[in-house]
Amino acid sequence: MRMTNRNWLPAYCDPRSYLPKIQETATLFSRPPYLFRDFVGRALRFLKSARAKKMGFEYDPQNTLPCKWKCADECLFGVDLAIYANTGQYPFDKGSIGGRFQPGSLGAAVHHGRINVDFGGSHVGYVPGDSGGHFGQIWRPLEHELSTDCGALCHAISPFLAVYKDACSNIQVVKPRGVDEVLLSIPNEFVQPSWSSHHIKLLVDTENLTDGDVPFVPDRPHTHTPIGRTLFHLRREFLDQIPKEDARRFFSGKPTPIGRNLTYHYFNIYDSQTQLDKHGLPELKIEPYMKYIVSAKNSPAPLKAAIVNANLEYNRLTDAVRDAAYRNYAFASFTGVFIDMFDEKLGNYVNLFQPLGVTIKPARALHVIEILPEEIADIFSRVKPASPARRLAHVMGAESSNIVERFTFVPGRFRE
């Protein structure tokens, strides 16, 4: 009988339970982000175009309320200023800390303007540097140090990331000398949850990564069980799928940490103390995606978390605007990831923006028209930013910033 440890998992972690997919970092960042102030100008130019009108969107500046939904972090205040400079109006706030969209804000917003133009999403700090720069921190001039950004998202993923890194360091692969098979030595806390007192539980998926445990044979020392560990036969498919250089290291005859080769295919991770909703899912909707966030190959965990969170909140937004109560109102919603940087020359924060999607809901309709990142890039490459209602230099302290040139991240190339 083939043994499994999947029976210890919460139902929502069961590999057979389908989890809706999230946009791939490699696709989103195949193009550089926009300077947000320029993105707003291009968005307004698009909304005034014949293409937007063909979608059923009638832009009327006299009835249009600019809106934002984003985290409360002060490094994002440039978003407010950019919206104000481009539209001449103060933006209505539909968001809260952590980059959450608040559906309850819609009633007041449509009362203030029958057309809502939304700019929103998650945010992540970025520090330029070699090897693609560093995500998840930003310079805080009042504290004279780097700190987390987005703090709320970093706080949410931090314990999961710590347990994952521990597993990468302590799960070992070894090919004993004189033996043909490759073994996997797993601390028992990563096999069965009761062996760990930590509320974050990481369990290796023994069905995907192993071909069963190693039987004890008295005269074969490599089968003798180490204290606190269980020995397994490593599946050959694992070695065939990892980089050849990594595979060679595992044949050295010495126990070698599995490292970042522990991808999401081979483990599950969950919070044993999480609060569940009526569907049996975590109230913190990002939690089921944690194994994809902490083990992402193409992006560091803070960036991946921002992408996941923006996808989840985008769904809340599109769900809300299709409610029958808002049939007679129009919405144009630009969702993405804000990338926060500190510009030393300006002595202040600057925001970039990577769009993930655009939603157009015409008035007197309950359907939405969705525009994907590839089409956004094509549309925006053909339009120049609309002239701002207020001079950018007066509102934002400078006409522009060349800091976008210092954003050198490409998927798969970054510093941890």
Protein backbone atom coordinates (compact mmCIF):
# COMPACT_ATOMS: atom_id res chain seq x y z
CA MET A 1 0.00 0.00 0.00
CA ARG A 2 1.35 3.45 -0.99
CA MET A 3 1.56 5.70 2.06
CA THR A 4 0.55 9.39 1.91
CA ASN A 5 0.67 12.39 4.23
CA ARG A 6 -1.96 14.37 2.33
CA ASN A 7 -4.55 13.23 4.84
CA TRP A 8 -3.02 15.66 7.36
CA LEU A 9 -3.76 18.68 5.15
CA PRO A 10 -6.72 21.05 5.56
CA ALA A 11 -9.27 20.50 2.80
CA TYR A 12 -8.37 23.76 1.03
CA CYS A 13 -4.74 22.57 0.70
CA ASP A 14 -5.66 19.25 -0.90
CA PRO A 15 -3.77 19.13 -4.24
CA ARG A 16 -6.96 17.83 -5.82
CA SER A 17 -8.80 21.06 -4.86
CA TYR A 18 -8.56 23.41 -7.82
CA LEU A 19 -7.10 26.81 -7.02
CA PRO A 20 -7.82 29.61 -9.52
CA LYS A 21 -4.68 30.72 -11.31
CA ILE A 22 -2.82 34.00 -10.88
CA GLN A 23 -1.06 35.99 -13.60
CA GLU A 24 2.53 34.95 -14.27
CA THR A 25 5.35 37.32 -13.32
CA ALA A 26 7.23 36.39 -16.48
CA THR A 27 4.37 37.71 -18.62
CA LEU A 28 3.60 40.83 -16.60
CA PHE A 29 7.22 41.97 -16.39
CA SER A 30 8.20 41.12 -19.94
CA ARG A 31 7.73 44.88 -20.35
CA PRO A 32 9.00 47.65 -18.04
CA PRO A 33 6.52 49.39 -15.72
CA TYR A 34 5.24 52.91 -16.30
CA LEU A 35 5.98 55.98 -14.27
CA PHE A 36 2.59 56.25 -12.60
CA ARG A 37 2.04 59.94 -13.33
CA ASP A 38 2.51 59.16 -17.05
CA PHE A 39 0.27 56.11 -16.83
CA VAL A 40 -2.61 58.25 -15.52
CA GLY A 41 -2.17 60.66 -18.42
CA ARG A 42 -2.25 57.81 -20.93
CA ALA A 43 -5.28 56.26 -19.22
CA LEU A 44 -7.22 59.53 -19.50
CA ARG A 45 -6.25 59.89 -23.16
CA PHE A 46 -7.52 56.35 -23.79
CA LEU A 47 -10.83 56.99 -22.00
CA LYS A 48 -11.45 59.97 -24.28
CA SER A 49 -10.73 57.90 -27.41
CA ALA A 50 -13.06 56.41 -30.01
CA ARG A 51 -11.88 52.98 -28.89
CA ALA A 52 -13.25 53.50 -25.35
CA LYS A 53 -16.45 54.97 -26.77
CA LYS A 54 -16.89 51.86 -28.93
CA MET A 55 -16.76 49.83 -25.70
CA GLY A 56 -19.71 51.86 -24.45
CA PHE A 57 -17.74 54.16 -22.15
CA GLU A 58 -18.81 57.81 -22.41
CA TYR A 59 -16.18 60.00 -20.77
CA ASP A 60 -17.62 63.21 -19.30
CA PRO A 61 -15.16 65.13 -17.10
CA GLN A 62 -18.00 67.08 -15.48
CA ASN A 63 -19.46 63.86 -14.04
CA THR A 64 -16.27 61.83 -13.54
CA LEU A 65 -14.92 61.12 -10.07
CA PRO A 66 -11.29 59.96 -9.96
CA CYS A 67 -10.79 57.23 -7.35
CA LYS A 68 -7.97 55.25 -5.78
CA TRP A 69 -7.74 52.01 -3.86
CA LYS A 70 -4.40 51.24 -2.33
CA CYS A 71 -2.51 50.88 0.92
CA ALA A 72 -2.30 53.80 3.35
CA ASP A 73 1.55 53.85 3.27
CA GLU A 74 2.97 57.38 2.87
CA CYS A 75 5.27 56.19 0.08
CA LEU A 76 2.12 55.95 -2.07
CA PHE A 77 1.04 59.57 -1.62
CA GLY A 78 2.53 60.31 -5.03
CA VAL A 79 -0.37 58.28 -6.45
CA ASP A 80 -2.84 60.80 -4.99
CA LEU A 81 -0.77 63.70 -6.32
CA ALA A 82 -0.50 62.17 -9.80
CA ILE A 83 -4.28 61.65 -9.99
CA TYR A 84 -4.90 65.20 -8.74
CA ALA A 85 -2.38 66.74 -11.17
CA ASN A 86 -3.79 64.90 -14.16
CA THR A 87 -7.50 65.33 -13.39
CA GLY A 88 -7.58 68.51 -11.32
CA GLN A 89 -9.68 66.71 -8.69
CA TYR A 90 -8.87 65.06 -5.38
CA PRO A 91 -9.33 61.28 -5.62
CA PHE A 92 -12.03 59.43 -3.67
CA ASP A 93 -10.56 56.67 -1.48
CA LYS A 94 -11.90 53.12 -1.99
CA GLY A 95 -9.01 51.30 -0.35
CA SER A 96 -7.43 50.35 2.95
CA ILE A 97 -4.13 49.16 4.38
CA GLY A 98 -2.61 46.20 2.59
CA GLY A 99 -3.99 47.28 -0.79
CA ARG A 100 -7.54 46.12 -0.12
CA PHE A 101 -10.50 47.26 -2.21
CA GLN A 102 -13.56 48.18 -0.12
CA PRO A 103 -16.81 47.31 -1.95
CA GLY A 104 -18.81 49.27 0.62
CA SER A 105 -17.26 52.49 -0.70
CA LEU A 106 -19.10 52.29 -4.03
CA GLY A 107 -22.40 53.70 -2.76
CA ALA A 108 -20.79 56.95 -1.66
CA ALA A 109 -18.51 57.15 -4.69
CA VAL A 110 -21.31 56.98 -7.28
CA HIS A 111 -23.25 59.53 -5.23
CA HIS A 112 -20.31 61.91 -5.75
CA GLY A 113 -19.87 61.16 -9.46
CA ARG A 114 -21.85 59.00 -11.90
CA ILE A 115 -18.64 57.95 -13.64
CA ASN A 116 -15.86 56.44 -11.51
CA VAL A 117 -12.31 56.13 -12.83
CA ASP A 118 -10.33 53.89 -10.48
CA PHE A 119 -6.59 53.43 -10.10
CA GLY A 120 -5.60 50.77 -7.62
CA GLY A 121 -3.64 47.72 -6.62
CA SER A 122 -1.07 46.32 -4.26
CA HIS A 123 2.33 47.89 -3.76
CA VAL A 124 5.89 46.72 -3.16
CA GLY A 125 9.10 48.54 -2.37
CA TYR A 126 12.07 48.29 -4.71
CA VAL A 127 15.70 49.17 -4.04
CA PRO A 128 17.80 49.43 -7.24
CA GLY A 129 21.02 47.47 -7.39
CA ASP A 130 22.99 44.73 -9.05
CA SER A 131 21.34 41.47 -10.13
CA GLY A 132 17.94 43.03 -10.70
CA GLY A 133 17.58 44.95 -7.45
CA HIS A 134 15.79 44.07 -4.24
CA PHE A 135 12.03 43.94 -3.52
CA GLY A 136 10.11 44.28 -0.28
CA GLN A 137 11.91 47.25 1.28
CA ILE A 138 12.15 51.00 0.81
CA TRP A 139 14.23 53.80 2.28
CA ARG A 140 12.43 55.66 5.08
CA PRO A 141 14.02 59.13 5.31
CA LEU A 142 12.54 59.91 8.74
CA GLU A 143 14.02 56.71 10.19
CA HIS A 144 17.19 56.79 8.07
CA GLU A 145 16.88 53.11 7.26
CA LEU A 146 15.25 50.56 5.00
CA SER A 147 12.00 48.99 6.15
CA THR A 148 9.36 46.63 4.75
CA ASP A 149 7.08 47.76 1.93
CA CYS A 150 4.25 46.70 1.77
CA GLY A 151 4.46 46.12 5.52
CA ALA A 152 1.05 44.43 5.71
CA LEU A 153 1.81 41.93 2.93
CA CYS A 154 5.37 41.31 4.19
CA HIS A 155 3.94 40.63 7.66
CA ALA A 156 1.48 38.13 6.16
CA ILE A 157 4.08 36.16 4.19
CA SER A 158 7.00 36.42 6.64
CA PRO A 159 6.26 33.35 8.84
CA PHE A 160 5.53 31.21 5.77
CA LEU A 161 8.75 32.34 4.12
CA ALA A 162 10.79 31.57 7.26
CA VAL A 163 9.43 28.01 7.47
CA TYR A 164 9.97 27.47 3.74
CA LYS A 165 13.61 28.62 3.97
CA ASP A 166 14.11 26.31 6.95
CA ALA A 167 12.78 23.40 4.90
CA CYS A 168 15.05 24.28 1.96
CA SER A 169 18.07 24.20 4.29
CA ASN A 170 17.21 21.08 6.29
CA ILE A 171 15.65 18.68 3.80
CA GLN A 172 18.63 16.79 2.41
CA VAL A 173 19.34 14.81 -0.73
CA VAL A 174 22.07 12.17 -0.69
CA LYS A 175 23.35 9.38 -2.91
CA PRO A 176 25.29 7.06 -0.60
CA ARG A 177 28.58 5.84 -2.01
CA GLY A 178 28.34 2.42 -3.54
CA VAL A 179 24.54 2.62 -3.69
CA ASP A 180 22.55 3.18 -6.90
CA GLU A 181 19.55 4.92 -5.33
CA VAL A 182 19.18 8.57 -4.31
CA LEU A 183 17.65 9.21 -0.90
CA LEU A 184 15.75 12.08 0.67
CA SER A 185 16.22 12.80 4.37
CA ILE A 186 13.27 14.82 5.68
CA PRO A 187 12.91 16.21 9.21
CA ASN A 188 9.74 14.70 10.67
CA GLU A 189 8.19 18.14 11.18
CA PHE A 190 7.91 18.34 7.37
CA VAL A 191 6.29 14.91 7.18
CA GLN A 192 3.62 15.06 9.89
CA PRO A 193 2.30 18.30 11.47
CA SER A 194 2.33 17.20 15.13
CA TRP A 195 6.15 17.06 15.08
CA SER A 196 6.30 20.87 14.90
CA SER A 197 5.07 23.34 17.52
CA HIS A 198 5.08 26.17 14.96
CA HIS A 199 1.62 27.24 13.79
CA ILE A 200 2.88 27.34 10.19
CA LYS A 201 3.01 23.79 8.90
CA LEU A 202 4.98 22.76 5.81
CA LEU A 203 4.47 19.19 4.64
CA VAL A 204 6.48 17.64 1.85
CA ASP A 205 4.15 16.01 -0.67
CA THR A 206 5.47 12.47 -0.35
CA GLU A 207 3.36 11.35 -3.31
CA ASN A 208 5.02 13.78 -5.73
CA LEU A 209 8.58 13.87 -4.38
CA THR A 210 9.22 10.32 -3.16
CA ASP A 211 8.80 6.70 -4.10
CA GLY A 212 8.07 5.66 -0.54
CA ASP A 213 10.14 5.39 2.62
CA VAL A 214 13.38 3.45 2.95
CA PRO A 215 12.97 0.03 4.66
CA PHE A 216 15.40 -0.71 7.47
CA VAL A 217 18.07 -3.29 6.60
CA PRO A 218 20.46 -4.02 9.52
CA ASP A 219 23.60 -4.55 7.42
CA ARG A 220 23.01 -1.53 5.14
CA PRO A 221 23.95 1.61 7.13
CA HIS A 222 22.36 4.02 4.64
CA THR A 223 18.93 2.61 5.58
CA HIS A 224 19.34 3.33 9.29
CA THR A 225 16.90 6.01 10.39
CA PRO A 226 18.53 9.27 11.64
CA ILE A 227 17.06 10.78 14.78
CA GLY A 228 14.13 13.11 14.07
CA ARG A 229 14.08 12.25 10.37
CA THR A 230 12.50 9.86 7.88
CA LEU A 231 14.37 8.50 4.87
CA PHE A 232 12.62 8.27 1.51
CA HIS A 233 13.50 7.16 -2.00
CA LEU A 234 13.71 10.29 -4.16
CA ARG A 235 11.67 10.12 -7.36
CA ARG A 236 13.81 10.07 -10.47
CA GLU A 237 11.52 12.62 -12.17
CA PHE A 238 12.65 15.23 -9.65
CA LEU A 239 16.29 14.88 -10.72
CA ASP A 240 15.33 14.97 -14.39
CA GLN A 241 13.51 18.31 -13.98
CA ILE A 242 16.02 20.34 -11.97
CA PRO A 243 19.11 22.10 -13.41
CA LYS A 244 21.88 19.62 -14.23
CA GLU A 245 24.36 21.48 -12.02
CA ASP A 246 22.09 21.03 -9.01
CA ALA A 247 21.54 17.37 -9.82
CA ARG A 248 25.31 16.78 -9.92
CA ARG A 249 25.70 18.28 -6.43
CA PHE A 250 23.30 15.69 -5.08
CA PHE A 251 25.61 12.91 -6.31
CA SER A 252 28.58 14.03 -4.18
CA GLY A 253 28.03 11.32 -1.59
CA LYS A 254 27.35 13.91 1.12
CA PRO A 255 23.89 15.05 2.35
CA THR A 256 23.09 18.25 0.43
CA PRO A 257 20.23 20.70 1.15
CA ILE A 258 17.47 20.54 -1.44
CA GLY A 259 17.45 24.35 -1.58
CA ARG A 260 15.14 26.25 -3.91
CA ASN A 261 14.59 23.05 -5.87
CA LEU A 262 11.78 22.55 -3.35
CA THR A 263 9.21 24.11 -5.68
CA TYR A 264 5.46 24.31 -5.12
CA HIS A 265 4.96 20.94 -6.81
CA TYR A 266 6.60 19.16 -3.88
CA PHE A 267 5.12 20.66 -0.71
CA ASN A 268 2.07 22.24 0.91
CA ILE A 269 2.07 24.95 3.56
CA TYR A 270 -0.67 26.32 5.79
CA ASP A 271 -1.42 28.17 9.03
CA SER A 272 -2.94 25.79 11.58
CA GLN A 273 -4.46 28.75 13.46
CA THR A 274 -6.09 30.50 10.49
CA GLN A 275 -9.72 31.56 10.63
CA LEU A 276 -11.93 29.93 8.01
CA ASP A 277 -14.96 31.42 6.26
CA LYS A 278 -18.27 29.70 5.58
CA HIS A 279 -16.76 27.93 2.55
CA GLY A 280 -13.96 26.41 4.62
CA LEU A 281 -11.37 28.76 3.08
CA PRO A 282 -9.00 31.08 4.96
CA GLU A 283 -10.45 34.53 5.63
CA LEU A 284 -7.07 35.89 4.50
CA LYS A 285 -7.59 35.03 0.83
CA ILE A 286 -3.89 35.12 -0.01
CA GLU A 287 -3.09 32.13 2.24
CA PRO A 288 -3.92 29.30 -0.20
CA TYR A 289 -1.35 30.84 -2.58
CA MET A 290 1.50 30.91 -0.07
CA LYS A 291 3.35 27.91 -1.49
CA TYR A 292 3.47 29.66 -4.88
CA ILE A 293 4.58 32.93 -3.29
CA VAL A 294 7.44 31.63 -1.13
CA SER A 295 8.88 29.28 -3.80
CA ALA A 296 8.41 31.49 -6.88
CA LYS A 297 11.28 31.13 -9.35
CA ASN A 298 10.66 34.26 -11.41
CA SER A 299 10.04 36.78 -8.64
CA PRO A 300 10.91 37.36 -4.99
CA ALA A 301 8.17 36.64 -2.47
CA PRO A 302 7.16 40.30 -1.82
CA LEU A 303 6.57 40.95 -5.52
CA LYS A 304 4.71 37.69 -6.02
CA ALA A 305 2.54 38.47 -2.99
CA ALA A 306 1.68 41.88 -4.45
CA ILE A 307 0.68 40.28 -7.76
CA VAL A 308 -1.47 37.67 -6.03
CA ASN A 309 -3.15 40.22 -3.77
CA ALA A 310 -3.87 42.58 -6.69
CA ASN A 311 -5.49 39.68 -8.59
CA LEU A 312 -7.69 38.84 -5.60
CA GLU A 313 -8.76 42.45 -5.05
CA TYR A 314 -9.38 42.95 -8.77
CA ASN A 315 -11.92 40.15 -8.51
CA ARG A 316 -13.62 41.91 -5.58
CA LEU A 317 -13.78 45.11 -7.63
CA THR A 318 -15.24 43.54 -10.78
CA ASP A 319 -17.72 41.58 -8.67
CA ALA A 320 -18.84 44.76 -6.90
CA VAL A 321 -19.36 47.00 -9.96
CA ARG A 322 -21.58 44.36 -11.62
CA ASP A 323 -24.09 44.55 -8.78
CA ALA A 324 -27.55 45.60 -9.97
CA ALA A 325 -27.42 48.62 -7.63
CA TYR A 326 -24.77 50.16 -9.90
CA ARG A 327 -26.37 49.38 -13.27
CA ASN A 328 -26.80 53.05 -14.17
CA TYR A 329 -23.23 54.05 -13.31
CA ALA A 330 -20.06 53.76 -15.37
CA PHE A 331 -16.70 52.49 -14.14
CA ALA A 332 -13.23 52.41 -15.67
CA SER A 333 -10.84 50.59 -13.38
CA PHE A 334 -7.06 50.35 -13.86
CA THR A 335 -5.56 47.65 -11.62
CA GLY A 336 -1.89 46.86 -11.17
CA VAL A 337 1.09 46.75 -8.87
CA PHE A 338 2.58 49.99 -7.59
CA ILE A 339 6.37 49.81 -7.34
CA ASP A 340 7.67 52.27 -4.78
CA MET A 341 11.16 53.73 -5.05
CA PHE A 342 12.98 56.47 -3.17
CA ASP A 343 14.52 59.07 -5.47
CA GLU A 344 17.57 60.52 -3.73
CA LYS A 345 17.77 63.45 -6.16
CA LEU A 346 14.18 64.47 -5.43
CA GLY A 347 14.49 63.50 -1.77
CA ASN A 348 11.13 61.76 -1.97
CA TYR A 349 9.20 58.71 -3.14
CA VAL A 350 8.35 57.93 -6.77
CA ASN A 351 5.80 55.36 -7.90
CA LEU A 352 5.97 53.09 -10.92
CA PHE A 353 2.98 51.06 -12.07
CA GLN A 354 2.73 47.69 -13.76
CA PRO A 355 -0.84 47.24 -15.05
CA LEU A 356 -2.47 43.83 -14.56
CA GLY A 357 -5.81 44.61 -16.17
CA VAL A 358 -8.39 47.24 -17.09
CA THR A 359 -12.12 46.87 -16.53
CA ILE A 360 -14.69 48.96 -18.41
CA LYS A 361 -18.33 48.85 -17.23
CA PRO A 362 -20.56 51.10 -19.30
CA ALA A 363 -23.53 52.83 -17.73
CA ARG A 364 -26.84 50.92 -17.93
CA ALA A 365 -24.95 47.61 -18.19
CA LEU A 366 -24.08 44.81 -15.80
CA HIS A 367 -21.29 43.28 -17.87
CA VAL A 368 -17.66 44.36 -17.87
CA ILE A 369 -15.13 44.51 -20.69
CA GLU A 370 -11.70 43.35 -19.60
CA ILE A 371 -8.47 44.51 -21.23
CA LEU A 372 -5.41 42.31 -20.64
CA PRO A 373 -1.83 43.55 -20.12
CA GLU A 374 -0.72 42.80 -23.69
CA GLU A 375 -3.56 44.89 -25.12
CA ILE A 376 -2.95 47.64 -22.57
CA ALA A 377 0.68 47.83 -23.70
CA ASP A 378 -0.40 48.01 -27.34
CA ILE A 379 -2.99 50.73 -26.70
CA PHE A 380 -0.75 52.84 -24.48
CA SER A 381 2.20 52.61 -26.89
CA ARG A 382 0.06 54.50 -29.41
CA VAL A 383 -1.10 57.36 -27.17
CA LYS A 384 0.68 60.19 -25.46
CA PRO A 385 -0.31 61.27 -21.94
CA ALA A 386 -3.12 63.81 -21.88
CA SER A 387 -2.11 67.29 -20.79
CA PRO A 388 -2.37 67.44 -16.99
CA ALA A 389 -4.98 69.73 -15.43
CA ARG A 390 -2.34 70.99 -12.97
CA ARG A 391 1.32 71.44 -13.76
CA LEU A 392 3.16 68.33 -12.55
CA ALA A 393 6.13 70.29 -11.22
CA HIS A 394 3.85 72.39 -8.99
CA VAL A 395 1.93 69.43 -7.64
CA MET A 396 4.63 66.77 -7.39
CA GLY A 397 7.78 68.82 -6.91
CA ALA A 398 9.29 67.93 -10.30
CA GLU A 399 8.21 67.63 -13.90
CA SER A 400 9.37 64.03 -14.06
CA SER A 401 11.83 61.49 -12.69
CA ASN A 402 14.30 59.25 -14.51
CA ILE A 403 14.22 56.69 -11.73
CA VAL A 404 12.33 54.27 -13.99
CA GLU A 405 15.67 53.72 -15.74
CA ARG A 406 17.04 52.29 -12.49
CA PHE A 407 14.37 49.59 -12.41
CA THR A 408 16.40 46.69 -13.81
CA PHE A 409 14.37 43.69 -12.66
CA VAL A 410 13.62 40.99 -15.19
CA PRO A 411 11.82 37.76 -14.23
CA GLY A 412 14.20 35.25 -12.70
CA ARG A 413 16.90 37.86 -12.01
CA PHE A 414 16.74 39.41 -8.55
CA ARG A 415 18.39 39.52 -5.14
CA GLU A 416 16.66 37.73 -2.25
